[in-house]
């Protein structure tokens, strides 16, 4: 897959809009749109680094579609997805999630130690 396809896939996976990526990188929306459109070119190395950092992936992944640290990338995506869902919950539901999270953490601590 190409840089453009990997960028699009990652934006979709994260449910991130191009304007949000622009804001996180400091690049203009037009610049981001150019990297996503059909006849786009690969950005310069410094811009690719900004984009990769904002997305929680490596430049290698954006360029090749492969990454030596898939577990970390998956965790970053998962944490981002969870954060997005938590934002939409009401206070009562957040308290329930907090309680469940604490119990899971305690269970893990006792089962590994």
C-alpha atoms as a PDB file:
ATOM      1  CA  UNK A   1       0.000   0.000   0.000  1.00  0.00           C
ATOM      2  CA  UNK A   2       1.075   3.593  -0.566  1.00  0.00           C
ATOM      3  CA  UNK A   3       1.645   6.416   1.914  1.00  0.00           C
ATOM      4  CA  UNK A   4      -1.719   7.869   0.912  1.00  0.00           C
ATOM      5  CA  UNK A   5      -3.542   4.577   1.490  1.00  0.00           C
ATOM      6  CA  UNK A   6      -1.830   3.961   4.834  1.00  0.00           C
ATOM      7  CA  UNK A   7      -2.595   7.516   5.934  1.00  0.00           C
ATOM      8  CA  UNK A   8      -6.251   7.167   4.952  1.00  0.00           C
ATOM      9  CA  UNK A   9      -6.534   3.780   6.658  1.00  0.00           C
ATOM     10  CA  UNK A  10      -5.021   5.119   9.870  1.00  0.00           C
ATOM     11  CA  UNK A  11      -7.243   8.202   9.880  1.00  0.00           C
ATOM     12  CA  UNK A  12     -10.276   5.953   9.377  1.00  0.00           C
ATOM     13  CA  UNK A  13      -9.144   3.523  12.076  1.00  0.00           C
ATOM     14  CA  UNK A  14      -8.713   6.361  14.554  1.00  0.00           C
ATOM     15  CA  UNK A  15     -11.923   8.091  13.430  1.00  0.00           C
ATOM     16  CA  UNK A  16      -9.778  11.196  13.016  1.00  0.00           C
ATOM     17  CA  UNK A  17     -10.677  13.927  10.575  1.00  0.00           C
ATOM     18  CA  UNK A  18      -8.094  15.558   8.362  1.00  0.00           C
ATOM     19  CA  UNK A  19      -8.608  18.895  10.105  1.00  0.00           C
ATOM     20  CA  UNK A  20      -7.815  17.257  13.467  1.00  0.00           C
ATOM     21  CA  UNK A  21      -4.593  15.839  12.025  1.00  0.00           C
ATOM     22  CA  UNK A  22      -3.729  19.269  10.652  1.00  0.00           C
ATOM     23  CA  UNK A  23      -4.231  20.808  14.087  1.00  0.00           C
ATOM     24  CA  UNK A  24      -2.127  18.124  15.804  1.00  0.00           C
ATOM     25  CA  UNK A  25       0.752  18.458  13.349  1.00  0.00           C
ATOM     26  CA  UNK A  26       0.697  22.203  12.771  1.00  0.00           C
ATOM     27  CA  UNK A  27       0.432  21.547   9.039  1.00  0.00           C
ATOM     28  CA  UNK A  28      -2.279  23.257   7.030  1.00  0.00           C
ATOM     29  CA  UNK A  29      -5.494  21.423   6.225  1.00  0.00           C
ATOM     30  CA  UNK A  30      -4.693  21.888   2.524  1.00  0.00           C
ATOM     31  CA  UNK A  31      -1.345  20.125   3.032  1.00  0.00           C
ATOM     32  CA  UNK A  32      -3.009  17.172   4.758  1.00  0.00           C
ATOM     33  CA  UNK A  33      -5.699  17.034   2.064  1.00  0.00           C
ATOM     34  CA  UNK A  34      -2.955  16.912  -0.574  1.00  0.00           C
ATOM     35  CA  UNK A  35      -1.356  13.873   1.100  1.00  0.00           C
ATOM     36  CA  UNK A  36      -4.708  12.065   1.188  1.00  0.00           C
ATOM     37  CA  UNK A  37      -5.916  12.803  -2.348  1.00  0.00           C
ATOM     38  CA  UNK A  38      -5.528  10.324  -5.183  1.00  0.00           C
ATOM     39  CA  UNK A  39      -2.499  11.807  -6.973  1.00  0.00           C
ATOM     40  CA  UNK A  40      -0.582  12.743  -3.831  1.00  0.00           C
ATOM     41  CA  UNK A  41       3.134  12.607  -3.207  1.00  0.00           C
ATOM     42  CA  UNK A  42       4.995  11.412  -0.132  1.00  0.00           C
ATOM     43  CA  UNK A  43       5.732  14.231   2.310  1.00  0.00           C
ATOM     44  CA  UNK A  44       9.216  15.286   3.307  1.00  0.00           C
ATOM     45  CA  UNK A  45      10.792  13.334   6.159  1.00  0.00           C
ATOM     46  CA  UNK A  46      10.142  16.047   8.748  1.00  0.00           C
ATOM     47  CA  UNK A  47       6.471  16.260   7.799  1.00  0.00           C
ATOM     48  CA  UNK A  48       6.122  12.466   7.744  1.00  0.00           C
ATOM     49  CA  UNK A  49       7.512  12.380  11.293  1.00  0.00           C
ATOM     50  CA  UNK A  50       4.975  15.007  12.450  1.00  0.00           C
ATOM     51  CA  UNK A  51       2.126  13.039  10.871  1.00  0.00           C
ATOM     52  CA  UNK A  52       3.295   9.700  12.260  1.00  0.00           C
ATOM     53  CA  UNK A  53       3.664  11.117  15.784  1.00  0.00           C
ATOM     54  CA  UNK A  54       0.211  12.683  15.668  1.00  0.00           C
ATOM     55  CA  UNK A  55      -1.279   9.344  14.571  1.00  0.00           C
ATOM     56  CA  UNK A  56       0.701   7.200  17.007  1.00  0.00           C
ATOM     57  CA  UNK A  57       2.333   5.167  14.245  1.00  0.00           C
ATOM     58  CA  UNK A  58       5.806   5.016  12.737  1.00  0.00           C
ATOM     59  CA  UNK A  59       6.949   6.651   9.528  1.00  0.00           C
ATOM     60  CA  UNK A  60       7.858   3.144   8.376  1.00  0.00           C
ATOM     61  CA  UNK A  61       4.223   2.115   8.738  1.00  0.00           C
ATOM     62  CA  UNK A  62       2.955   5.122   6.791  1.00  0.00           C
ATOM     63  CA  UNK A  63       5.444   4.534   3.967  1.00  0.00           C
ATOM     64  CA  UNK A  64       5.416   0.717   3.756  1.00  0.00           C
ATOM     65  CA  UNK A  65       2.328  -0.408   5.628  1.00  0.00           C
ATOM     66  CA  UNK A  66       4.544  -2.511   7.883  1.00  0.00           C
ATOM     67  CA  UNK A  67       5.871  -1.818  11.317  1.00  0.00           C
ATOM     68  CA  UNK A  68       8.232  -3.736  13.532  1.00  0.00           C
ATOM     69  CA  UNK A  69       6.271  -2.733  16.622  1.00  0.00           C
ATOM     70  CA  UNK A  70       2.694  -3.706  15.774  1.00  0.00           C
ATOM     71  CA  UNK A  71       1.782  -4.334  19.414  1.00  0.00           C
ATOM     72  CA  UNK A  72       2.630  -0.751  20.408  1.00  0.00           C
ATOM     73  CA  UNK A  73       0.739   0.664  17.408  1.00  0.00           C
ATOM     74  CA  UNK A  74      -2.286  -1.486  18.256  1.00  0.00           C
ATOM     75  CA  UNK A  75      -2.146  -0.305  21.859  1.00  0.00           C
ATOM     76  CA  UNK A  76      -1.943   3.343  20.780  1.00  0.00           C
ATOM     77  CA  UNK A  77      -4.953   2.904  18.487  1.00  0.00           C
ATOM     78  CA  UNK A  78      -6.884   1.053  21.164  1.00  0.00           C
ATOM     79  CA  UNK A  79      -6.181   3.665  23.827  1.00  0.00           C
ATOM     80  CA  UNK A  80      -7.189   6.432  21.428  1.00  0.00           C
ATOM     81  CA  UNK A  81     -10.423   4.608  20.556  1.00  0.00           C
ATOM     82  CA  UNK A  82     -11.225   4.099  24.238  1.00  0.00           C
ATOM     83  CA  UNK A  83     -10.577   7.781  24.974  1.00  0.00           C
ATOM     84  CA  UNK A  84     -12.924   8.802  22.179  1.00  0.00           C
ATOM     85  CA  UNK A  85     -15.691   6.598  23.586  1.00  0.00           C
ATOM     86  CA  UNK A  86     -15.147   7.770  27.179  1.00  0.00           C
ATOM     87  CA  UNK A  87     -15.608  11.387  26.148  1.00  0.00           C
ATOM     88  CA  UNK A  88     -19.190  10.590  25.177  1.00  0.00           C
ATOM     89  CA  UNK A  89     -20.181   8.858  28.438  1.00  0.00           C
ATOM     90  CA  UNK A  90     -22.100  10.509  31.255  1.00  0.00           C
ATOM     91  CA  UNK A  91     -20.670  10.797  34.782  1.00  0.00           C
ATOM     92  CA  UNK A  92     -22.508   7.731  36.123  1.00  0.00           C
ATOM     93  CA  UNK A  93     -21.207   5.519  33.321  1.00  0.00           C
ATOM     94  CA  UNK A  94     -17.680   6.903  33.787  1.00  0.00           C
ATOM     95  CA  UNK A  95     -17.787   5.902  37.470  1.00  0.00           C
ATOM     96  CA  UNK A  96     -18.818   2.367  36.457  1.00  0.00           C
ATOM     97  CA  UNK A  97     -15.955   2.181  33.945  1.00  0.00           C
ATOM     98  CA  UNK A  98     -13.511   3.469  36.571  1.00  0.00           C
ATOM     99  CA  UNK A  99     -14.642   0.798  39.034  1.00  0.00           C
ATOM    100  CA  UNK A 100     -14.314  -1.960  36.437  1.00  0.00           C
ATOM    101  CA  UNK A 101     -10.878  -0.723  35.431  1.00  0.00           C
ATOM    102  CA  UNK A 102      -9.681  -0.749  39.036  1.00  0.00           C
ATOM    103  CA  UNK A 103     -10.968  -4.316  39.500  1.00  0.00           C
ATOM    104  CA  UNK A 104      -9.235  -5.479  36.330  1.00  0.00           C
ATOM    105  CA  UNK A 105      -5.997  -3.864  37.425  1.00  0.00           C
ATOM    106  CA  UNK A 106      -6.235  -5.515  40.857  1.00  0.00           C
ATOM    107  CA  UNK A 107      -6.972  -8.917  39.289  1.00  0.00           C
ATOM    108  CA  UNK A 108      -3.967  -8.561  37.009  1.00  0.00           C
ATOM    109  CA  UNK A 109      -1.724  -7.545  39.913  1.00  0.00           C
ATOM    110  CA  UNK A 110      -2.748 -10.595  41.969  1.00  0.00           C
ATOM    111  CA  UNK A 111      -2.578 -13.049  39.078  1.00  0.00           C
ATOM    112  CA  UNK A 112       0.926 -11.988  37.996  1.00  0.00           C
ATOM    113  CA  UNK A 113       2.524 -11.328  41.341  1.00  0.00           C
END
